Amino acid sequence: LDSEPTANVTIDVASNDATEGLVTDPALGTLTFPTGDWD
């Protein structure tokens, strides 16, 4: 993130073509940036 959020920020990460490549980490396909560790 470029600036500190006022609440946790969650970003989903997924491949647009699972036949060519998959997101293997993060395992659940979600990044979470808590307010205390946003940077």
PDB file of all heavy atoms in Angstrom:
ATOM      1  N   LEU A   1       0.841  -1.197   0.000  1.00  0.00           N
ATOM      2  CA  LEU A   1       0.000   0.000   0.000  1.00  0.00           C
ATOM      3  C   LEU A   1       0.874   1.245   0.000  1.00  0.00           C
ATOM      4  O   LEU A   1       1.989   1.240   0.541  1.00  0.00           O
ATOM      5  CB  LEU A   1      -0.909   0.010   1.230  1.00  0.00           C
ATOM      6  CG  LEU A   1      -1.834  -1.195   1.409  1.00  0.00           C
ATOM      7  CD1 LEU A   1      -2.736  -0.982   2.634  1.00  0.00           C
ATOM      8  CD2 LEU A   1      -2.676  -1.436   0.173  1.00  0.00           C
ATOM      9  N   ASP A   2       0.378   2.333  -0.581  1.00  0.00           N
ATOM     10  CA  ASP A   2       1.138   3.582  -0.669  1.00  0.00           C
ATOM     11  C   ASP A   2       0.923   4.509   0.516  1.00  0.00           C
ATOM     12  O   ASP A   2       1.711   5.429   0.726  1.00  0.00           O
ATOM     13  CB  ASP A   2       0.774   4.340  -1.947  1.00  0.00           C
ATOM     14  CG  ASP A   2       1.181   3.582  -3.194  1.00  0.00           C
ATOM     15  OD1 ASP A   2       2.070   2.708  -3.114  1.00  0.00           O
ATOM     16  OD2 ASP A   2       0.602   3.868  -4.262  1.00  0.00           O
ATOM     17  N   SER A   3      -0.157   4.304   1.265  1.00  0.00           N
ATOM     18  CA  SER A   3      -0.403   5.123   2.452  1.00  0.00           C
ATOM     19  C   SER A   3      -1.104   4.270   3.505  1.00  0.00           C
ATOM     20  O   SER A   3      -1.683   3.229   3.193  1.00  0.00           O
ATOM     21  CB  SER A   3      -1.246   6.359   2.118  1.00  0.00           C
ATOM     22  OG  SER A   3      -2.557   5.994   1.754  1.00  0.00           O
ATOM     23  N   GLU A   4      -1.030   4.731   4.735  1.00  0.00           N
ATOM     24  CA  GLU A   4      -1.613   3.976   5.851  1.00  0.00           C
ATOM     25  C   GLU A   4      -3.138   3.992   5.764  1.00  0.00           C
ATOM     26  O   GLU A   4      -3.749   5.057   5.686  1.00  0.00           O
ATOM     27  CB  GLU A   4      -1.169   4.567   7.181  1.00  0.00           C
ATOM     28  CG  GLU A   4      -1.673   3.797   8.385  1.00  0.00           C
ATOM     29  CD  GLU A   4      -1.142   4.345   9.696  1.00  0.00           C
ATOM     30  OE1 GLU A   4      -0.344   5.294   9.688  1.00  0.00           O
ATOM     31  OE2 GLU A   4      -1.545   3.810  10.727  1.00  0.00           O
ATOM     32  N   PRO A   5      -3.765   2.829   5.795  1.00  0.00           N
ATOM     33  CA  PRO A   5      -5.228   2.801   5.776  1.00  0.00           C
ATOM     34  C   PRO A   5      -5.801   3.046   7.170  1.00  0.00           C
ATOM     35  O   PRO A   5      -5.107   2.895   8.174  1.00  0.00           O
ATOM     36  CB  PRO A   5      -5.537   1.364   5.311  1.00  0.00           C
ATOM     37  CG  PRO A   5      -4.393   0.563   5.851  1.00  0.00           C
ATOM     38  CD  PRO A   5      -3.187   1.484   5.768  1.00  0.00           C
ATOM     39  N   THR A   6      -7.059   3.431   7.222  1.00  0.00           N
ATOM     40  CA  THR A   6      -7.728   3.615   8.509  1.00  0.00           C
ATOM     41  C   THR A   6      -8.412   2.337   8.961  1.00  0.00           C
ATOM     42  O   THR A   6      -8.932   2.275  10.072  1.00  0.00           O
ATOM     43  CB  THR A   6      -8.753   4.764   8.432  1.00  0.00           C
ATOM     44  OG1 THR A   6      -9.703   4.467   7.399  1.00  0.00           O
ATOM     45  CG2 THR A   6      -8.051   6.085   8.118  1.00  0.00           C
ATOM     46  N   ALA A   7      -8.422   1.312   8.113  1.00  0.00           N
ATOM     47  CA  ALA A   7      -8.958  -0.017   8.449  1.00  0.00           C
ATOM     48  C   ALA A   7      -8.158  -1.028   7.627  1.00  0.00           C
ATOM     49  O   ALA A   7      -7.462  -0.659   6.683  1.00  0.00           O
ATOM     50  CB  ALA A   7     -10.448  -0.113   8.109  1.00  0.00           C
ATOM     51  N   ASN A   8      -8.239  -2.296   8.004  1.00  0.00           N
ATOM     52  CA  ASN A   8      -7.538  -3.343   7.263  1.00  0.00           C
ATOM     53  C   ASN A   8      -7.956  -3.326   5.793  1.00  0.00           C
ATOM     54  O   ASN A   8      -9.111  -3.058   5.471  1.00  0.00           O
ATOM     55  CB  ASN A   8      -7.819  -4.716   7.857  1.00  0.00           C
ATOM     56  CG  ASN A   8      -7.180  -4.893   9.217  1.00  0.00           C
ATOM     57  OD1 ASN A   8      -6.366  -4.094   9.646  1.00  0.00           O
ATOM     58  ND2 ASN A   8      -7.567  -5.942   9.900  1.00  0.00           N
ATOM     59  N   VAL A   9      -7.001  -3.634   4.898  1.00  0.00           N
ATOM     60  CA  VAL A   9      -7.264  -3.685   3.460  1.00  0.00           C
ATOM     61  C   VAL A   9      -7.023  -5.114   2.989  1.00  0.00           C
ATOM     62  O   VAL A   9      -5.978  -5.698   3.277  1.00  0.00           O
ATOM     63  CB  VAL A   9      -6.346  -2.714   2.686  1.00  0.00           C
ATOM     64  CG1 VAL A   9      -6.513  -2.890   1.187  1.00  0.00           C
ATOM     65  CG2 VAL A   9      -6.619  -1.277   3.107  1.00  0.00           C
ATOM     66  N   THR A  10      -7.995  -5.657   2.264  1.00  0.00           N
ATOM     67  CA  THR A  10      -7.899  -7.013   1.723  1.00  0.00           C
ATOM     68  C   THR A  10      -7.927  -6.934   0.201  1.00  0.00           C
ATOM     69  O   THR A  10      -8.772  -6.244  -0.375  1.00  0.00           O
ATOM     70  CB  THR A  10      -9.075  -7.878   2.217  1.00  0.00           C
ATOM     71  OG1 THR A  10      -9.053  -7.891   3.648  1.00  0.00           O
ATOM     72  CG2 THR A  10      -8.968  -9.301   1.703  1.00  0.00           C
ATOM     73  N   ILE A  11      -6.993  -7.639  -0.442  1.00  0.00           N
ATOM     74  CA  ILE A  11      -6.909  -7.667  -1.903  1.00  0.00           C
ATOM     75  C   ILE A  11      -6.937  -9.117  -2.352  1.00  0.00           C
ATOM     76  O   ILE A  11      -6.116  -9.926  -1.914  1.00  0.00           O
ATOM     77  CB  ILE A  11      -5.609  -6.994  -2.394  1.00  0.00           C
ATOM     78  CG1 ILE A  11      -5.550  -5.542  -1.928  1.00  0.00           C
ATOM     79  CG2 ILE A  11      -5.489  -7.097  -3.914  1.00  0.00           C
ATOM     80  CD1 ILE A  11      -4.214  -4.866  -2.195  1.00  0.00           C
ATOM     81  N   ASP A  12      -7.899  -9.436  -3.203  1.00  0.00           N
ATOM     82  CA  ASP A  12      -7.968 -10.780  -3.777  1.00  0.00           C
ATOM     83  C   ASP A  12      -7.000 -10.860  -4.947  1.00  0.00           C
ATOM     84  O   ASP A  12      -6.881  -9.925  -5.741  1.00  0.00           O
ATOM     85  CB  ASP A  12      -9.387 -11.094  -4.250  1.00  0.00           C
ATOM     86  CG  ASP A  12     -10.358 -11.247  -3.097  1.00  0.00           C
ATOM     87  OD1 ASP A  12      -9.923 -11.632  -1.993  1.00  0.00           O
ATOM     88  OD2 ASP A  12     -11.560 -10.954  -3.284  1.00  0.00           O
ATOM     89  N   VAL A  13      -6.296 -12.003  -5.053  1.00  0.00           N
ATOM     90  CA  VAL A  13      -5.326 -12.228  -6.122  1.00  0.00           C
ATOM     91  C   VAL A  13      -5.681 -13.549  -6.793  1.00  0.00           C
ATOM     92  O   VAL A  13      -5.794 -14.572  -6.123  1.00  0.00           O
ATOM     93  CB  VAL A  13      -3.884 -12.289  -5.570  1.00  0.00           C
ATOM     94  CG1 VAL A  13      -2.887 -12.448  -6.700  1.00  0.00           C
ATOM     95  CG2 VAL A  13      -3.572 -11.073  -4.726  1.00  0.00           C
ATOM     96  N   ALA A  14      -5.851 -13.522  -8.123  1.00  0.00           N
ATOM     97  CA  ALA A  14      -6.208 -14.743  -8.846  1.00  0.00           C
ATOM     98  C   ALA A  14      -5.700 -14.642 -10.280  1.00  0.00           C
ATOM     99  O   ALA A  14      -5.500 -13.541 -10.803  1.00  0.00           O
ATOM    100  CB  ALA A  14      -7.722 -14.938  -8.846  1.00  0.00           C
ATOM    101  N   SER A  15      -5.490 -15.774 -10.911  1.00  0.00           N
ATOM    102  CA  SER A  15      -5.102 -15.832 -12.309  1.00  0.00           C
ATOM    103  C   SER A  15      -6.347 -15.637 -13.167  1.00  0.00           C
ATOM    104  O   SER A  15      -7.431 -16.123 -12.827  1.00  0.00           O
ATOM    105  CB  SER A  15      -4.466 -17.198 -12.616  1.00  0.00           C
ATOM    106  OG  SER A  15      -4.257 -17.333 -14.008  1.00  0.00           O
ATOM    107  N   ASN A  16      -6.175 -14.951 -14.292  1.00  0.00           N
ATOM    108  CA  ASN A  16      -7.308 -14.826 -15.209  1.00  0.00           C
ATOM    109  C   ASN A  16      -7.375 -16.011 -16.176  1.00  0.00           C
ATOM    110  O   ASN A  16      -8.299 -16.097 -16.978  1.00  0.00           O
ATOM    111  CB  ASN A  16      -7.256 -13.499 -15.979  1.00  0.00           C
ATOM    112  CG  ASN A  16      -6.138 -13.456 -16.990  1.00  0.00           C
ATOM    113  OD1 ASN A  16      -5.183 -14.230 -16.928  1.00  0.00           O
ATOM    114  ND2 ASN A  16      -6.242 -12.528 -17.935  1.00  0.00           N
ATOM    115  N   ASP A  17      -6.388 -16.925 -16.084  1.00  0.00           N
ATOM    116  CA  ASP A  17      -6.398 -18.121 -16.929  1.00  0.00           C
ATOM    117  C   ASP A  17      -5.765 -19.269 -16.145  1.00  0.00           C
ATOM    118  O   ASP A  17      -4.554 -19.510 -16.204  1.00  0.00           O
ATOM    119  CB  ASP A  17      -5.629 -17.871 -18.233  1.00  0.00           C
ATOM    120  CG  ASP A  17      -5.750 -19.036 -19.219  1.00  0.00           C
ATOM    121  OD1 ASP A  17      -6.211 -20.137 -18.811  1.00  0.00           O
ATOM    122  OD2 ASP A  17      -5.361 -18.846 -20.381  1.00  0.00           O
ATOM    123  N   ALA A  18      -6.592 -20.006 -15.413  1.00  0.00           N
ATOM    124  CA  ALA A  18      -6.115 -21.092 -14.545  1.00  0.00           C
ATOM    125  C   ALA A  18      -5.528 -22.253 -15.336  1.00  0.00           C
ATOM    126  O   ALA A  18      -4.836 -23.097 -14.771  1.00  0.00           O
ATOM    127  CB  ALA A  18      -7.260 -21.583 -13.658  1.00  0.00           C
ATOM    128  N   THR A  19      -5.754 -22.309 -16.640  1.00  0.00           N
ATOM    129  CA  THR A  19      -5.142 -23.384 -17.436  1.00  0.00           C
ATOM    130  C   THR A  19      -3.673 -23.088 -17.735  1.00  0.00           C
ATOM    131  O   THR A  19      -2.926 -23.989 -18.124  1.00  0.00           O
ATOM    132  CB  THR A  19      -5.895 -23.588 -18.773  1.00  0.00           C
ATOM    133  OG1 THR A  19      -5.750 -22.410 -19.577  1.00  0.00           O
ATOM    134  CG2 THR A  19      -7.369 -23.896 -18.520  1.00  0.00           C
ATOM    135  N   GLU A  20      -3.233 -21.844 -17.531  1.00  0.00           N
ATOM    136  CA  GLU A  20      -1.842 -21.467 -17.804  1.00  0.00           C
ATOM    137  C   GLU A  20      -1.029 -21.201 -16.535  1.00  0.00           C
ATOM    138  O   GLU A  20       0.175 -21.395 -16.521  1.00  0.00           O
ATOM    139  CB  GLU A  20      -1.798 -20.218 -18.695  1.00  0.00           C
ATOM    140  CG  GLU A  20      -2.320 -20.470 -20.094  1.00  0.00           C
ATOM    141  CD  GLU A  20      -1.472 -21.469 -20.887  1.00  0.00           C
ATOM    142  OE1 GLU A  20      -0.240 -21.512 -20.691  1.00  0.00           O
ATOM    143  OE2 GLU A  20      -2.054 -22.213 -21.703  1.00  0.00           O
ATOM    144  N   GLY A  21      -1.683 -20.724 -15.489  1.00  0.00           N
ATOM    145  CA  GLY A  21      -0.955 -20.430 -14.263  1.00  0.00           C
ATOM    146  C   GLY A  21      -1.907 -20.179 -13.111  1.00  0.00           C
ATOM    147  O   GLY A  21      -3.031 -19.713 -13.297  1.00  0.00           O
ATOM    148  N   LEU A  22      -1.438 -20.514 -11.899  1.00  0.00           N
ATOM    149  CA  LEU A  22      -2.239 -20.347 -10.689  1.00  0.00           C
ATOM    150  C   LEU A  22      -1.463 -19.548  -9.649  1.00  0.00           C
ATOM    151  O   LEU A  22      -0.235 -19.650  -9.573  1.00  0.00           O
ATOM    152  CB  LEU A  22      -2.595 -21.710 -10.084  1.00  0.00           C
ATOM    153  CG  LEU A  22      -3.462 -22.653 -10.920  1.00  0.00           C
ATOM    154  CD1 LEU A  22      -3.545 -24.011 -10.235  1.00  0.00           C
ATOM    155  CD2 LEU A  22      -4.842 -22.045 -11.097  1.00  0.00           C
ATOM    156  N   VAL A  23      -2.189 -18.830  -8.830  1.00  0.00           N
ATOM    157  CA  VAL A  23      -1.587 -18.184  -7.675  1.00  0.00           C
ATOM    158  C   VAL A  23      -1.432 -19.259  -6.614  1.00  0.00           C
ATOM    159  O   VAL A  23      -2.422 -19.868  -6.192  1.00  0.00           O
ATOM    160  CB  VAL A  23      -2.457 -17.011  -7.164  1.00  0.00           C
ATOM    161  CG1 VAL A  23      -1.917 -16.478  -5.852  1.00  0.00           C
ATOM    162  CG2 VAL A  23      -2.545 -15.917  -8.210  1.00  0.00           C
ATOM    163  N   THR A  24      -0.190 -19.544  -6.228  1.00  0.00           N
ATOM    164  CA  THR A  24       0.050 -20.588  -5.227  1.00  0.00           C
ATOM    165  C   THR A  24       0.335 -20.007  -3.849  1.00  0.00           C
ATOM    166  O   THR A  24       0.236 -20.705  -2.848  1.00  0.00           O
ATOM    167  CB  THR A  24       1.226 -21.494  -5.647  1.00  0.00           C
ATOM    168  OG1 THR A  24       2.384 -20.694  -5.847  1.00  0.00           O
ATOM    169  CG2 THR A  24       0.870 -22.254  -6.932  1.00  0.00           C
ATOM    170  N   ASP A  25       0.720 -18.743  -3.805  1.00  0.00           N
ATOM    171  CA  ASP A  25       0.952 -18.081  -2.522  1.00  0.00           C
ATOM    172  C   ASP A  25       0.591 -16.609  -2.695  1.00  0.00           C
ATOM    173  O   ASP A  25       1.128 -15.974  -3.600  1.00  0.00           O
ATOM    174  CB  ASP A  25       2.417 -18.238  -2.093  1.00  0.00           C
ATOM    175  CG  ASP A  25       2.646 -17.729  -0.678  1.00  0.00           C
ATOM    176  OD1 ASP A  25       1.725 -17.847   0.150  1.00  0.00           O
ATOM    177  OD2 ASP A  25       3.739 -17.200  -0.425  1.00  0.00           O
ATOM    178  N   PRO A  26      -0.325 -16.087  -1.967  1.00  0.00           N
ATOM    179  CA  PRO A  26      -0.927 -16.653  -0.765  1.00  0.00           C
ATOM    180  C   PRO A  26      -1.885 -17.788  -1.121  1.00  0.00           C
ATOM    181  O   PRO A  26      -2.593 -17.722  -2.119  1.00  0.00           O
ATOM    182  CB  PRO A  26      -1.680 -15.471  -0.146  1.00  0.00           C
ATOM    183  CG  PRO A  26      -1.986 -14.564  -1.292  1.00  0.00           C
ATOM    184  CD  PRO A  26      -0.860 -14.733  -2.264  1.00  0.00           C
ATOM    185  N   ALA A  27      -1.881 -18.809  -0.275  1.00  0.00           N
ATOM    186  CA  ALA A  27      -2.617 -20.046  -0.549  1.00  0.00           C
ATOM    187  C   ALA A  27      -4.108 -19.803  -0.776  1.00  0.00           C
ATOM    188  O   ALA A  27      -4.718 -20.456  -1.613  1.00  0.00           O
ATOM    189  CB  ALA A  27      -2.413 -21.033   0.592  1.00  0.00           C
ATOM    190  N   LEU A  28      -4.694 -18.856  -0.050  1.00  0.00           N
ATOM    191  CA  LEU A  28      -6.129 -18.598  -0.198  1.00  0.00           C
ATOM    192  C   LEU A  28      -6.411 -17.493  -1.206  1.00  0.00           C
ATOM    193  O   LEU A  28      -7.554 -17.101  -1.401  1.00  0.00           O
ATOM    194  CB  LEU A  28      -6.747 -18.256   1.154  1.00  0.00           C
ATOM    195  CG  LEU A  28      -6.631 -19.352   2.215  1.00  0.00           C
ATOM    196  CD1 LEU A  28      -7.235 -18.885   3.534  1.00  0.00           C
ATOM    197  CD2 LEU A  28      -7.305 -20.630   1.737  1.00  0.00           C
ATOM    198  N   GLY A  29      -5.364 -16.964  -1.850  1.00  0.00           N
ATOM    199  CA  GLY A  29      -5.559 -15.947  -2.876  1.00  0.00           C
ATOM    200  C   GLY A  29      -5.950 -14.576  -2.337  1.00  0.00           C
ATOM    201  O   GLY A  29      -6.542 -13.779  -3.059  1.00  0.00           O
ATOM    202  N   THR A  30      -5.633 -14.315  -1.081  1.00  0.00           N
ATOM    203  CA  THR A  30      -6.005 -13.034  -0.472  1.00  0.00           C
ATOM    204  C   THR A  30      -4.813 -12.440   0.261  1.00  0.00           C
ATOM    205  O   THR A  30      -4.156 -13.119   1.058  1.00  0.00           O
ATOM    206  CB  THR A  30      -7.169 -13.222   0.529  1.00  0.00           C
ATOM    207  OG1 THR A  30      -8.276 -13.790  -0.163  1.00  0.00           O
ATOM    208  CG2 THR A  30      -7.596 -11.908   1.139  1.00  0.00           C
ATOM    209  N   LEU A  31      -4.544 -11.174  -0.010  1.00  0.00           N
ATOM    210  CA  LEU A  31      -3.545 -10.415   0.735  1.00  0.00           C
ATOM    211  C   LEU A  31      -4.291  -9.526   1.723  1.00  0.00           C
ATOM    212  O   LEU A  31      -5.282  -8.904   1.355  1.00  0.00           O
ATOM    213  CB  LEU A  31      -2.717  -9.533  -0.201  1.00  0.00           C
ATOM    214  CG  LEU A  31      -1.952 -10.228  -1.323  1.00  0.00           C
ATOM    215  CD1 LEU A  31      -1.327  -9.189  -2.250  1.00  0.00           C
ATOM    216  CD2 LEU A  31      -0.887 -11.133  -0.746  1.00  0.00           C
ATOM    217  N   THR A  32      -3.816  -9.482   2.954  1.00  0.00           N
ATOM    218  CA  THR A  32      -4.430  -8.611   3.956  1.00  0.00           C
ATOM    219  C   THR A  32      -3.362  -7.689   4.514  1.00  0.00           C
ATOM    220  O   THR A  32      -2.313  -8.140   4.980  1.00  0.00           O
ATOM    221  CB  THR A  32      -5.080  -9.419   5.097  1.00  0.00           C
ATOM    222  OG1 THR A  32      -6.081 -10.274   4.530  1.00  0.00           O
ATOM    223  CG2 THR A  32      -5.724  -8.503   6.122  1.00  0.00           C
ATOM    224  N   PHE A  33      -3.648  -6.396   4.443  1.00  0.00           N
ATOM    225  CA  PHE A  33      -2.759  -5.372   4.986  1.00  0.00           C
ATOM    226  C   PHE A  33      -3.424  -4.765   6.212  1.00  0.00           C
ATOM    227  O   PHE A  33      -4.361  -3.981   6.081  1.00  0.00           O
ATOM    228  CB  PHE A  33      -2.484  -4.285   3.945  1.00  0.00           C
ATOM    229  CG  PHE A  33      -1.700  -4.779   2.766  1.00  0.00           C
ATOM    230  CD1 PHE A  33      -2.346  -5.292   1.650  1.00  0.00           C
ATOM    231  CD2 PHE A  33      -0.318  -4.726   2.775  1.00  0.00           C
ATOM    232  CE1 PHE A  33      -1.627  -5.749   0.551  1.00  0.00           C
ATOM    233  CE2 PHE A  33       0.410  -5.184   1.687  1.00  0.00           C
ATOM    234  CZ  PHE A  33      -0.241  -5.696   0.582  1.00  0.00           C
ATOM    235  N   PRO A  34      -2.947  -5.133   7.410  1.00  0.00           N
ATOM    236  CA  PRO A  34      -3.517  -4.544   8.619  1.00  0.00           C
ATOM    237  C   PRO A  34      -3.018  -3.104   8.800  1.00  0.00           C
ATOM    238  O   PRO A  34      -1.959  -2.733   8.269  1.00  0.00           O
ATOM    239  CB  PRO A  34      -3.011  -5.453   9.737  1.00  0.00           C
ATOM    240  CG  PRO A  34      -1.814  -6.130   9.186  1.00  0.00           C
ATOM    241  CD  PRO A  34      -1.953  -6.148   7.694  1.00  0.00           C
ATOM    242  N   THR A  35      -3.753  -2.299   9.531  1.00  0.00           N
ATOM    243  CA  THR A  35      -3.382  -0.897   9.725  1.00  0.00           C
ATOM    244  C   THR A  35      -1.992  -0.750  10.329  1.00  0.00           C
ATOM    245  O   THR A  35      -1.294   0.201  10.024  1.00  0.00           O
ATOM    246  CB  THR A  35      -4.409  -0.168  10.605  1.00  0.00           C
ATOM    247  OG1 THR A  35      -4.518  -0.859  11.854  1.00  0.00           O
ATOM    248  CG2 THR A  35      -5.764  -0.105   9.931  1.00  0.00           C
ATOM    249  N   GLY A  36      -1.577  -1.665  11.160  1.00  0.00           N
ATOM    250  CA  GLY A  36      -0.271  -1.554  11.798  1.00  0.00           C
ATOM    251  C   GLY A  36       0.884  -2.077  10.963  1.00  0.00           C
ATOM    252  O   GLY A  36       2.043  -1.910  11.328  1.00  0.00           O
ATOM    253  N   ASP A  37       0.609  -2.725   9.840  1.00  0.00           N
ATOM    254  CA  ASP A  37       1.666  -3.315   9.022  1.00  0.00           C
ATOM    255  C   ASP A  37       1.325  -3.148   7.541  1.00  0.00           C
ATOM    256  O   ASP A  37       1.456  -4.061   6.747  1.00  0.00           O
ATOM    257  CB  ASP A  37       1.837  -4.795   9.374  1.00  0.00           C
ATOM    258  CG  ASP A  37       3.100  -5.402   8.774  1.00  0.00           C
ATOM    259  OD1 ASP A  37       4.035  -4.643   8.465  1.00  0.00           O
ATOM    260  OD2 ASP A  37       3.128  -6.631   8.589  1.00  0.00           O
ATOM    261  N   TRP A  38       0.911  -1.966   7.183  1.00  0.00           N
ATOM    262  CA  TRP A  38       0.454  -1.672   5.829  1.00  0.00           C
ATOM    263  C   TRP A  38       1.592  -1.465   4.839  1.00  0.00           C
ATOM    264  O   TRP A  38       1.409  -1.593   3.636  1.00  0.00           O
ATOM    265  CB  TRP A  38      -0.431  -0.425   5.836  1.00  0.00           C
ATOM    266  CG  TRP A  38       0.316   0.774   6.362  1.00  0.00           C
ATOM    267  CD1 TRP A  38       0.443   1.151   7.660  1.00  0.00           C
ATOM    268  CD2 TRP A  38       1.069   1.699   5.595  1.00  0.00           C
ATOM    269  NE1 TRP A  38       1.233   2.270   7.760  1.00  0.00           N
ATOM    270  CE2 TRP A  38       1.633   2.624   6.502  1.00  0.00           C
ATOM    271  CE3 TRP A  38       1.325   1.847   4.243  1.00  0.00           C
ATOM    272  CZ2 TRP A  38       2.428   3.697   6.089  1.00  0.00           C
ATOM    273  CZ3 TRP A  38       2.126   2.908   3.820  1.00  0.00           C
ATOM    274  CH2 TRP A  38       2.662   3.812   4.750  1.00  0.00           C
ATOM    275  N   ASP A  39       2.793  -1.136   5.335  1.00  0.00           N
ATOM    276  CA  ASP A  39       3.880  -0.760   4.445  1.00  0.00           C
ATOM    277  C   ASP A  39       4.920  -1.867   4.230  1.00  0.00           C
ATOM    278  O   ASP A  39       5.991  -1.627   3.704  1.00  0.00           O
ATOM    279  CB  ASP A  39       4.563   0.519   4.926  1.00  0.00           C
ATOM    280  CG  ASP A  39       5.092   0.418   6.357  1.00  0.00           C
ATOM    281  OD1 ASP A  39       4.764  -0.552   7.058  1.00  0.00           O
ATOM    282  OD2 ASP A  39       5.823   1.331   6.757  1.00  0.00           O
TER     283      ASP A  39
END
